[in-house]
Amino acid sequence: MQLKSLRLFMAVADTGSFMAAADRLHTVQSNVTAHIKKLEEELGAQLIHRNGRTRPTTAGLALVEYAARILTAHDEALALFKGNETACGRLRIGAMETTTALRLPPLLTAFHAHHPEVDIQLQTGPTADLVTRLLEGHVDCIFVAGQVEHPRLHGLKAFSEQLVLVGPEPLDDMPTTQQFLASTFLAFRQGCSYRQRIELLLSSYGVSAVRMFEFGSLDAMLGCVSAGMGYTVLPRATVEAHQYRFDIHYLELPPSIAEIDTYFVAAKPETWTPALSRFADTLPLAL
């Protein structure tokens, strides 16, 4: 079925006249008749009563409902990609728990203020999971630790973080190897880049294995560190933002372990929706 045929059919159903439908859509009556006949042949049903008052048949009334939805969806799609400055539609964002808690609120607020018609959906997870979700099409963009090397993806540096060792007591010096061996670490699940930095830190002290408890919530992790369960490694900005809520302390790490960049990653720019393009444009304004 051609969209033009559906528009002409809807015009006939609405006006009750082939001539009026032709006038409305700036064509000739013979063209309207030909398109309606073609629709009837394609569907194998008479759509319009031609004897007496021109009106849809039972089959025609059923098609009216489908045609309205098809034409509306088509027009909305055109508006989405060829609209004015106002973006609309849906934007699905994936981000690490720490990025979501501290870095994204001002960015999302700025974006929403400029583009209130966009529906924002936010998911959290570790870096590896977020990359998988992006490649599988479950999110439109992600914020992850470190560059992602993949031929289908495009990345922009968004934030620079300094990781620190976090514990329940003031830390004047780095714990010894023996202290690390006797300690427990709290981390997000496998695939988290910060967890990899914990492993790198322990490896630098010759520690190959410690007890590692997995958490899915930043608040739960900080609460357990505050209660004395163990250590964790998190961005300093995140720790400082939560020290008024949790009795936690931190110690700076060597630069090779501490320095890590958060990247905004999406598919190639030529595939972006207007909503995603506007969001990427917002990045330098809010950071």
C-alpha atoms as a PDB file:
ATOM      1  CA  MET A   1       0.000   0.000   0.000  1.00  0.00           C
ATOM      2  CA  GLN A   2       1.271   3.421  -0.916  1.00  0.00           C
ATOM      3  CA  LEU A   3       1.016   6.261   1.545  1.00  0.00           C
ATOM      4  CA  LYS A   4      -0.487   8.415  -1.197  1.00  0.00           C
ATOM      5  CA  SER A   5      -3.225   5.828  -1.732  1.00  0.00           C
ATOM      6  CA  LEU A   6      -4.013   5.799   1.992  1.00  0.00           C
ATOM      7  CA  ARG A   7      -4.174   9.606   2.120  1.00  0.00           C
ATOM      8  CA  LEU A   8      -6.581   9.687  -0.836  1.00  0.00           C
ATOM      9  CA  PHE A   9      -8.690   6.937   0.731  1.00  0.00           C
ATOM     10  CA  MET A  10      -8.873   8.835   4.021  1.00  0.00           C
ATOM     11  CA  ALA A  11      -9.881  11.988   2.162  1.00  0.00           C
ATOM     12  CA  VAL A  12     -12.741  10.138   0.425  1.00  0.00           C
ATOM     13  CA  ALA A  13     -13.879   8.617   3.725  1.00  0.00           C
ATOM     14  CA  ASP A  14     -13.758  12.030   5.387  1.00  0.00           C
ATOM     15  CA  THR A  15     -15.435  14.104   2.680  1.00  0.00           C
ATOM     16  CA  GLY A  16     -17.834  11.485   1.335  1.00  0.00           C
ATOM     17  CA  SER A  17     -16.905  12.417  -2.220  1.00  0.00           C
ATOM     18  CA  PHE A  18     -14.281  11.488  -4.789  1.00  0.00           C
ATOM     19  CA  MET A  19     -14.439  15.005  -6.206  1.00  0.00           C
ATOM     20  CA  ALA A  20     -14.055  16.677  -2.800  1.00  0.00           C
ATOM     21  CA  ALA A  21     -11.139  14.369  -1.942  1.00  0.00           C
ATOM     22  CA  ALA A  22      -9.447  15.342  -5.202  1.00  0.00           C
ATOM     23  CA  ASP A  23      -9.917  19.035  -4.467  1.00  0.00           C
ATOM     24  CA  ARG A  24      -8.577  18.657  -0.927  1.00  0.00           C
ATOM     25  CA  LEU A  25      -5.380  16.956  -2.069  1.00  0.00           C
ATOM     26  CA  HIS A  26      -4.943  19.037  -5.236  1.00  0.00           C
ATOM     27  CA  THR A  27      -5.305  16.236  -7.759  1.00  0.00           C
ATOM     28  CA  VAL A  28      -7.887  15.018 -10.275  1.00  0.00           C
ATOM     29  CA  GLN A  29     -10.813  12.711  -9.585  1.00  0.00           C
ATOM     30  CA  SER A  30      -9.503  10.012 -11.944  1.00  0.00           C
ATOM     31  CA  ASN A  31      -6.333   9.803  -9.863  1.00  0.00           C
ATOM     32  CA  VAL A  32      -8.371   9.313  -6.675  1.00  0.00           C
ATOM     33  CA  THR A  33     -10.449   6.615  -8.331  1.00  0.00           C
ATOM     34  CA  ALA A  34      -7.355   4.785  -9.588  1.00  0.00           C
ATOM     35  CA  HIS A  35      -5.706   4.757  -6.156  1.00  0.00           C
ATOM     36  CA  ILE A  36      -8.860   3.530  -4.385  1.00  0.00           C
ATOM     37  CA  LYS A  37      -9.251   0.766  -6.975  1.00  0.00           C
ATOM     38  CA  LYS A  38      -5.616  -0.226  -6.499  1.00  0.00           C
ATOM     39  CA  LEU A  39      -6.107  -0.420  -2.729  1.00  0.00           C
ATOM     40  CA  GLU A  40      -9.184  -2.597  -3.179  1.00  0.00           C
ATOM     41  CA  GLU A  41      -7.250  -4.949  -5.471  1.00  0.00           C
ATOM     42  CA  GLU A  42      -4.368  -5.186  -3.002  1.00  0.00           C
ATOM     43  CA  LEU A  43      -6.655  -5.918  -0.055  1.00  0.00           C
ATOM     44  CA  GLY A  44      -9.182  -8.038  -1.901  1.00  0.00           C
ATOM     45  CA  ALA A  45     -12.151  -6.085  -0.534  1.00  0.00           C
ATOM     46  CA  GLN A  46     -14.455  -3.265  -1.593  1.00  0.00           C
ATOM     47  CA  LEU A  47     -13.600  -0.210   0.521  1.00  0.00           C
ATOM     48  CA  ILE A  48     -16.047   2.426  -0.722  1.00  0.00           C
ATOM     49  CA  HIS A  49     -19.791   2.239  -1.494  1.00  0.00           C
ATOM     50  CA  ARG A  50     -20.216   3.836  -4.919  1.00  0.00           C
ATOM     51  CA  ASN A  51     -23.983   3.519  -5.261  1.00  0.00           C
ATOM     52  CA  GLY A  52     -25.851   6.324  -3.578  1.00  0.00           C
ATOM     53  CA  ARG A  53     -23.917   8.282  -0.943  1.00  0.00           C
ATOM     54  CA  THR A  54     -20.173   7.690  -1.116  1.00  0.00           C
ATOM     55  CA  ARG A  55     -19.122   6.124   2.191  1.00  0.00           C
ATOM     56  CA  PRO A  56     -16.730   3.445   3.516  1.00  0.00           C
ATOM     57  CA  THR A  57     -17.858  -0.172   3.566  1.00  0.00           C
ATOM     58  CA  THR A  58     -17.355  -2.344   6.645  1.00  0.00           C
ATOM     59  CA  ALA A  59     -13.903  -3.228   5.274  1.00  0.00           C
ATOM     60  CA  GLY A  60     -13.294   0.447   4.560  1.00  0.00           C
ATOM     61  CA  LEU A  61     -14.130   1.433   8.151  1.00  0.00           C
ATOM     62  CA  ALA A  62     -11.643  -1.150   9.401  1.00  0.00           C
ATOM     63  CA  LEU A  63      -8.978   0.262   7.085  1.00  0.00           C
ATOM     64  CA  VAL A  64      -9.692   3.801   8.323  1.00  0.00           C
ATOM     65  CA  GLU A  65      -8.352   2.868  11.768  1.00  0.00           C
ATOM     66  CA  TYR A  66      -5.162   1.297  10.400  1.00  0.00           C
ATOM     67  CA  ALA A  67      -4.602   4.020   7.820  1.00  0.00           C
ATOM     68  CA  ALA A  68      -4.891   6.730  10.486  1.00  0.00           C
ATOM     69  CA  ARG A  69      -2.217   5.034  12.602  1.00  0.00           C
ATOM     70  CA  ILE A  70       0.066   4.447   9.609  1.00  0.00           C
ATOM     71  CA  LEU A  71      -0.170   8.037   8.402  1.00  0.00           C
ATOM     72  CA  THR A  72       0.247   9.442  11.907  1.00  0.00           C
ATOM     73  CA  ALA A  73       3.374   7.331  12.494  1.00  0.00           C
ATOM     74  CA  HIS A  74       4.768   8.433   9.128  1.00  0.00           C
ATOM     75  CA  ASP A  75       4.154  12.107   9.887  1.00  0.00           C
ATOM     76  CA  GLU A  76       5.669  11.782  13.365  1.00  0.00           C
ATOM     77  CA  ALA A  77       8.778  10.139  11.916  1.00  0.00           C
ATOM     78  CA  LEU A  78       9.184  12.999   9.430  1.00  0.00           C
ATOM     79  CA  ALA A  79       8.750  15.525  12.221  1.00  0.00           C
ATOM     80  CA  LEU A  80      11.360  13.697  14.294  1.00  0.00           C
ATOM     81  CA  PHE A  81      14.050  13.839  11.623  1.00  0.00           C
ATOM     82  CA  LYS A  82      13.078  16.960   9.700  1.00  0.00           C
ATOM     83  CA  GLY A  83      11.631  19.061  12.490  1.00  0.00           C
ATOM     84  CA  ASN A  84      12.704  22.495  13.638  1.00  0.00           C
ATOM     85  CA  GLU A  85      15.093  23.284  16.491  1.00  0.00           C
ATOM     86  CA  THR A  86      12.929  21.440  19.018  1.00  0.00           C
ATOM     87  CA  ALA A  87      13.996  17.805  19.394  1.00  0.00           C
ATOM     88  CA  CYS A  88      11.432  15.212  20.419  1.00  0.00           C
ATOM     89  CA  GLY A  89      11.120  11.465  20.855  1.00  0.00           C
ATOM     90  CA  ARG A  90      13.050   9.227  23.233  1.00  0.00           C
ATOM     91  CA  LEU A  91      16.636   9.320  24.492  1.00  0.00           C
ATOM     92  CA  ARG A  92      17.944   6.194  26.243  1.00  0.00           C
ATOM     93  CA  ILE A  93      21.109   6.818  28.274  1.00  0.00           C
ATOM     94  CA  GLY A  94      23.301   4.281  30.041  1.00  0.00           C
ATOM     95  CA  ALA A  95      25.838   5.337  32.670  1.00  0.00           C
ATOM     96  CA  MET A  96      27.963   4.062  35.505  1.00  0.00           C
ATOM     97  CA  GLU A  97      26.455   4.379  38.982  1.00  0.00           C
ATOM     98  CA  THR A  98      28.968   7.014  40.098  1.00  0.00           C
ATOM     99  CA  THR A  99      28.512   9.090  36.933  1.00  0.00           C
ATOM    100  CA  THR A 100      24.746   8.946  37.347  1.00  0.00           C
ATOM    101  CA  ALA A 101      24.932  10.116  40.941  1.00  0.00           C
ATOM    102  CA  LEU A 102      27.231  13.107  40.461  1.00  0.00           C
ATOM    103  CA  ARG A 103      27.987  14.084  36.876  1.00  0.00           C
ATOM    104  CA  LEU A 104      24.726  13.573  34.999  1.00  0.00           C
ATOM    105  CA  PRO A 105      22.188  15.599  37.055  1.00  0.00           C
ATOM    106  CA  PRO A 106      23.387  19.048  35.860  1.00  0.00           C
ATOM    107  CA  LEU A 107      23.815  17.749  32.301  1.00  0.00           C
ATOM    108  CA  LEU A 108      20.340  16.213  32.155  1.00  0.00           C
ATOM    109  CA  THR A 109      18.815  19.308  33.738  1.00  0.00           C
ATOM    110  CA  ALA A 110      20.409  21.563  31.115  1.00  0.00           C
ATOM    111  CA  PHE A 111      19.295  19.268  28.291  1.00  0.00           C
ATOM    112  CA  HIS A 112      15.730  19.001  29.584  1.00  0.00           C
ATOM    113  CA  ALA A 113      15.490  22.777  29.917  1.00  0.00           C
ATOM    114  CA  HIS A 114      16.336  23.221  26.220  1.00  0.00           C
ATOM    115  CA  HIS A 115      14.473  20.162  24.904  1.00  0.00           C
ATOM    116  CA  PRO A 116      11.481  19.422  27.165  1.00  0.00           C
ATOM    117  CA  GLU A 117       9.763  17.305  24.475  1.00  0.00           C
ATOM    118  CA  VAL A 118      12.406  14.553  24.697  1.00  0.00           C
ATOM    119  CA  ASP A 119      11.579  11.628  26.991  1.00  0.00           C
ATOM    120  CA  ILE A 120      14.721  10.623  28.913  1.00  0.00           C
ATOM    121  CA  GLN A 121      15.304   7.035  30.046  1.00  0.00           C
ATOM    122  CA  LEU A 122      18.334   6.323  32.256  1.00  0.00           C
ATOM    123  CA  GLN A 123      19.945   2.956  32.976  1.00  0.00           C
ATOM    124  CA  THR A 124      22.960   2.190  35.166  1.00  0.00           C
ATOM    125  CA  GLY A 125      25.546  -0.558  35.052  1.00  0.00           C
ATOM    126  CA  PRO A 126      29.262  -1.337  34.828  1.00  0.00           C
ATOM    127  CA  THR A 127      31.232  -0.343  31.758  1.00  0.00           C
ATOM    128  CA  ALA A 128      31.284  -3.768  30.079  1.00  0.00           C
ATOM    129  CA  ASP A 129      27.522  -4.225  30.428  1.00  0.00           C
ATOM    130  CA  LEU A 130      26.844  -0.730  29.106  1.00  0.00           C
ATOM    131  CA  VAL A 131      28.951  -1.311  26.002  1.00  0.00           C
ATOM    132  CA  THR A 132      27.038  -4.531  25.318  1.00  0.00           C
ATOM    133  CA  ARG A 133      23.692  -2.749  25.720  1.00  0.00           C
ATOM    134  CA  LEU A 134      24.805  -0.044  23.288  1.00  0.00           C
ATOM    135  CA  LEU A 135      25.964  -2.527  20.647  1.00  0.00           C
ATOM    136  CA  GLU A 136      22.705  -4.481  20.988  1.00  0.00           C
ATOM    137  CA  GLY A 137      20.632  -1.322  20.556  1.00  0.00           C
ATOM    138  CA  HIS A 138      19.131  -1.194  24.053  1.00  0.00           C
ATOM    139  CA  VAL A 139      20.493   2.328  24.712  1.00  0.00           C
ATOM    140  CA  ASP A 140      21.339   5.277  22.470  1.00  0.00           C
ATOM    141  CA  CYS A 141      24.486   6.436  24.270  1.00  0.00           C
ATOM    142  CA  ILE A 142      26.557   5.559  27.323  1.00  0.00           C
ATOM    143  CA  PHE A 143      29.015   7.097  29.777  1.00  0.00           C
ATOM    144  CA  VAL A 144      31.819   4.654  30.548  1.00  0.00           C
ATOM    145  CA  ALA A 145      35.316   4.620  31.994  1.00  0.00           C
ATOM    146  CA  GLY A 146      38.014   4.758  29.327  1.00  0.00           C
ATOM    147  CA  GLN A 147      37.897   4.743  25.555  1.00  0.00           C
ATOM    148  CA  VAL A 148      35.949   2.017  23.791  1.00  0.00           C
ATOM    149  CA  GLU A 149      37.710   0.677  20.707  1.00  0.00           C
ATOM    150  CA  HIS A 150      35.067  -0.584  18.298  1.00  0.00           C
ATOM    151  CA  PRO A 151      34.567   0.187  14.593  1.00  0.00           C
ATOM    152  CA  ARG A 152      30.846   0.897  15.050  1.00  0.00           C
ATOM    153  CA  LEU A 153      31.254   3.319  17.955  1.00  0.00           C
ATOM    154  CA  HIS A 154      32.201   6.960  18.372  1.00  0.00           C
ATOM    155  CA  GLY A 155      33.541   8.375  21.656  1.00  0.00           C
ATOM    156  CA  LEU A 156      34.057  11.815  23.175  1.00  0.00           C
ATOM    157  CA  LYS A 157      35.940  12.565  26.389  1.00  0.00           C
ATOM    158  CA  ALA A 158      33.384  13.849  28.906  1.00  0.00           C
ATOM    159  CA  PHE A 159      34.962  13.931  32.390  1.00  0.00           C
ATOM    160  CA  SER A 160      38.320  13.330  34.066  1.00  0.00           C
ATOM    161  CA  GLU A 161      38.272  11.519  37.395  1.00  0.00           C
ATOM    162  CA  GLN A 162      40.822  10.928  40.134  1.00  0.00           C
ATOM    163  CA  LEU A 163      40.284   7.608  41.877  1.00  0.00           C
ATOM    164  CA  VAL A 164      41.012   7.317  45.604  1.00  0.00           C
ATOM    165  CA  LEU A 165      41.176   4.537  48.166  1.00  0.00           C
ATOM    166  CA  VAL A 166      38.150   4.826  50.468  1.00  0.00           C
ATOM    167  CA  GLY A 167      37.968   3.462  54.005  1.00  0.00           C
ATOM    168  CA  PRO A 168      36.109   3.914  57.326  1.00  0.00           C
ATOM    169  CA  GLU A 169      39.058   5.497  59.177  1.00  0.00           C
ATOM    170  CA  PRO A 170      41.441   8.373  58.313  1.00  0.00           C
ATOM    171  CA  LEU A 171      44.194   7.109  55.996  1.00  0.00           C
ATOM    172  CA  ASP A 172      47.621   8.663  56.500  1.00  0.00           C
ATOM    173  CA  ASP A 173      49.543   6.012  54.562  1.00  0.00           C
ATOM    174  CA  MET A 174      48.769   3.287  52.094  1.00  0.00           C
ATOM    175  CA  PRO A 175      48.013  -0.046  53.825  1.00  0.00           C
ATOM    176  CA  THR A 176      50.805  -2.616  53.755  1.00  0.00           C
ATOM    177  CA  THR A 177      50.715  -5.817  51.748  1.00  0.00           C
ATOM    178  CA  GLN A 178      49.781  -7.765  54.888  1.00  0.00           C
ATOM    179  CA  GLN A 179      46.965  -5.337  55.642  1.00  0.00           C
ATOM    180  CA  PHE A 180      45.641  -5.658  52.118  1.00  0.00           C
ATOM    181  CA  LEU A 181      45.775  -9.456  52.353  1.00  0.00           C
ATOM    182  CA  ALA A 182      43.626  -9.335  55.480  1.00  0.00           C
ATOM    183  CA  SER A 183      41.172  -6.802  54.026  1.00  0.00           C
ATOM    184  CA  THR A 184      37.894  -7.001  52.169  1.00  0.00           C
ATOM    185  CA  PHE A 185      37.127  -4.845  49.140  1.00  0.00           C
ATOM    186  CA  LEU A 186      33.723  -3.653  48.031  1.00  0.00           C
ATOM    187  CA  ALA A 187      33.113  -3.150  44.315  1.00  0.00           C
ATOM    188  CA  PHE A 188      30.531  -3.095  41.584  1.00  0.00           C
ATOM    189  CA  ARG A 189      30.075  -6.345  39.681  1.00  0.00           C
ATOM    190  CA  GLN A 190      32.422  -7.762  37.055  1.00  0.00           C
ATOM    191  CA  GLY A 191      32.939  -5.435  34.106  1.00  0.00           C
ATOM    192  CA  CYS A 192      33.337  -2.339  36.268  1.00  0.00           C
ATOM    193  CA  SER A 193      36.447  -0.321  35.367  1.00  0.00           C
ATOM    194  CA  TYR A 194      36.901   0.831  38.972  1.00  0.00           C
ATOM    195  CA  ARG A 195      36.977  -2.810  40.047  1.00  0.00           C
ATOM    196  CA  GLN A 196      39.781  -3.357  37.553  1.00  0.00           C
ATOM    197  CA  ARG A 197      41.690  -0.506  39.213  1.00  0.00           C
ATOM    198  CA  ILE A 198      41.274  -2.242  42.585  1.00  0.00           C
ATOM    199  CA  GLU A 199      42.838  -5.341  41.076  1.00  0.00           C
ATOM    200  CA  LEU A 200      45.639  -3.226  39.586  1.00  0.00           C
ATOM    201  CA  LEU A 201      46.289  -1.593  42.976  1.00  0.00           C
ATOM    202  CA  LEU A 202      46.453  -4.948  44.751  1.00  0.00           C
ATOM    203  CA  SER A 203      48.671  -6.384  42.030  1.00  0.00           C
ATOM    204  CA  SER A 204      51.162  -3.540  42.561  1.00  0.00           C
ATOM    205  CA  TYR A 205      51.467  -4.745  46.177  1.00  0.00           C
ATOM    206  CA  GLY A 206      51.878  -8.354  45.138  1.00  0.00           C
ATOM    207  CA  VAL A 207      48.377  -9.285  46.269  1.00  0.00           C
ATOM    208  CA  SER A 208      46.682 -11.623  43.821  1.00  0.00           C
ATOM    209  CA  ALA A 209      43.491 -12.413  45.718  1.00  0.00           C
ATOM    210  CA  VAL A 210      41.353 -10.800  48.416  1.00  0.00           C
ATOM    211  CA  ARG A 211      37.717 -11.111  49.355  1.00  0.00           C
ATOM    212  CA  MET A 212      35.652  -8.976  46.979  1.00  0.00           C
ATOM    213  CA  PHE A 213      32.002  -8.244  47.716  1.00  0.00           C
ATOM    214  CA  GLU A 214      29.809  -7.097  44.835  1.00  0.00           C
ATOM    215  CA  PHE A 215      27.341  -4.241  45.194  1.00  0.00           C
ATOM    216  CA  GLY A 216      24.740  -2.841  42.802  1.00  0.00           C
ATOM    217  CA  SER A 217      24.175   0.410  44.670  1.00  0.00           C
ATOM    218  CA  LEU A 218      26.582   3.255  45.439  1.00  0.00           C
ATOM    219  CA  ASP A 219      24.752   4.131  48.665  1.00  0.00           C
ATOM    220  CA  ALA A 220      24.917   0.535  49.881  1.00  0.00           C
ATOM    221  CA  MET A 221      28.628   0.381  49.120  1.00  0.00           C
ATOM    222  CA  LEU A 222      29.416   3.644  50.935  1.00  0.00           C
ATOM    223  CA  GLY A 223      27.246   2.643  53.874  1.00  0.00           C
ATOM    224  CA  CYS A 224      29.120  -0.631  54.295  1.00  0.00           C
ATOM    225  CA  VAL A 225      32.511   1.063  53.961  1.00  0.00           C
ATOM    226  CA  SER A 226      31.432   3.545  56.641  1.00  0.00           C
ATOM    227  CA  ALA A 227      30.390   0.644  58.878  1.00  0.00           C
ATOM    228  CA  GLY A 228      33.869  -0.869  58.608  1.00  0.00           C
ATOM    229  CA  MET A 229      33.241  -3.740  56.201  1.00  0.00           C
ATOM    230  CA  GLY A 230      36.213  -2.918  53.990  1.00  0.00           C
ATOM    231  CA  TYR A 231      37.773  -0.627  51.381  1.00  0.00           C
ATOM    232  CA  THR A 232      36.673   0.498  47.955  1.00  0.00           C
ATOM    233  CA  VAL A 233      38.040   2.616  45.100  1.00  0.00           C
ATOM    234  CA  LEU A 234      35.899   5.443  43.737  1.00  0.00           C
ATOM    235  CA  PRO A 235      36.264   8.890  42.114  1.00  0.00           C
ATOM    236  CA  ARG A 236      37.349  11.522  44.625  1.00  0.00           C
ATOM    237  CA  ALA A 237      34.559  13.880  43.544  1.00  0.00           C
ATOM    238  CA  THR A 238      31.987  11.187  44.313  1.00  0.00           C
ATOM    239  CA  VAL A 239      33.474  10.504  47.739  1.00  0.00           C
ATOM    240  CA  GLU A 240      33.643  14.188  48.667  1.00  0.00           C
ATOM    241  CA  ALA A 241      30.027  14.679  47.589  1.00  0.00           C
ATOM    242  CA  HIS A 242      28.903  11.925  49.983  1.00  0.00           C
ATOM    243  CA  GLN A 243      31.098  12.562  53.016  1.00  0.00           C
ATOM    244  CA  TYR A 244      28.368  14.607  54.676  1.00  0.00           C
ATOM    245  CA  ARG A 245      26.159  11.485  54.593  1.00  0.00           C
ATOM    246  CA  PHE A 246      28.703   8.773  55.343  1.00  0.00           C
ATOM    247  CA  ASP A 247      31.641   8.657  57.745  1.00  0.00           C
ATOM    248  CA  ILE A 248      34.221   7.778  55.098  1.00  0.00           C
ATOM    249  CA  HIS A 249      37.783   8.865  54.408  1.00  0.00           C
ATOM    250  CA  TYR A 250      40.061   8.610  51.408  1.00  0.00           C
ATOM    251  CA  LEU A 251      43.703   8.455  50.384  1.00  0.00           C
ATOM    252  CA  GLU A 252      45.059   9.502  46.997  1.00  0.00           C
ATOM    253  CA  LEU A 253      46.385   6.761  44.729  1.00  0.00           C
ATOM    254  CA  PRO A 254      49.395   6.774  42.373  1.00  0.00           C
ATOM    255  CA  PRO A 255      48.577   8.576  39.090  1.00  0.00           C
ATOM    256  CA  SER A 256      48.899   5.382  37.048  1.00  0.00           C
ATOM    257  CA  ILE A 257      45.965   3.966  39.003  1.00  0.00           C
ATOM    258  CA  ALA A 258      44.095   7.132  39.948  1.00  0.00           C
ATOM    259  CA  GLU A 259      43.700   8.900  36.612  1.00  0.00           C
ATOM    260  CA  ILE A 260      40.767   7.746  34.529  1.00  0.00           C
ATOM    261  CA  ASP A 261      38.566   9.479  31.960  1.00  0.00           C
ATOM    262  CA  THR A 262      34.839   9.013  31.436  1.00  0.00           C
ATOM    263  CA  TYR A 263      33.765   8.905  27.784  1.00  0.00           C
ATOM    264  CA  PHE A 264      30.475   9.617  26.086  1.00  0.00           C
ATOM    265  CA  VAL A 265      30.041   6.788  23.570  1.00  0.00           C
ATOM    266  CA  ALA A 266      27.415   6.273  20.879  1.00  0.00           C
ATOM    267  CA  ALA A 267      27.132   4.903  17.362  1.00  0.00           C
ATOM    268  CA  LYS A 268      28.605   6.890  14.482  1.00  0.00           C
ATOM    269  CA  PRO A 269      27.225  10.486  14.396  1.00  0.00           C
ATOM    270  CA  GLU A 270      25.627  10.050  10.971  1.00  0.00           C
ATOM    271  CA  THR A 271      23.217   7.525  12.552  1.00  0.00           C
ATOM    272  CA  TRP A 272      22.089   9.758  15.453  1.00  0.00           C
ATOM    273  CA  THR A 273      18.523  10.874  15.990  1.00  0.00           C
ATOM    274  CA  PRO A 274      17.950  14.622  16.464  1.00  0.00           C
ATOM    275  CA  ALA A 275      17.465  14.018  20.201  1.00  0.00           C
ATOM    276  CA  LEU A 276      20.854  12.318  20.497  1.00  0.00           C
ATOM    277  CA  SER A 277      22.519  15.034  18.391  1.00  0.00           C
ATOM    278  CA  ARG A 278      21.096  17.765  20.622  1.00  0.00           C
ATOM    279  CA  PHE A 279      22.228  15.864  23.715  1.00  0.00           C
ATOM    280  CA  ALA A 280      25.775  15.611  22.366  1.00  0.00           C
ATOM    281  CA  ASP A 281      25.666  19.352  21.652  1.00  0.00           C
ATOM    282  CA  THR A 282      24.710  19.930  25.299  1.00  0.00           C
ATOM    283  CA  LEU A 283      27.794  18.149  26.645  1.00  0.00           C
ATOM    284  CA  PRO A 284      30.262  21.079  26.438  1.00  0.00           C
ATOM    285  CA  LEU A 285      27.642  23.511  27.797  1.00  0.00           C
ATOM    286  CA  ALA A 286      27.060  21.615  31.023  1.00  0.00           C
ATOM    287  CA  LEU A 287      30.505  20.179  31.801  1.00  0.00           C
END
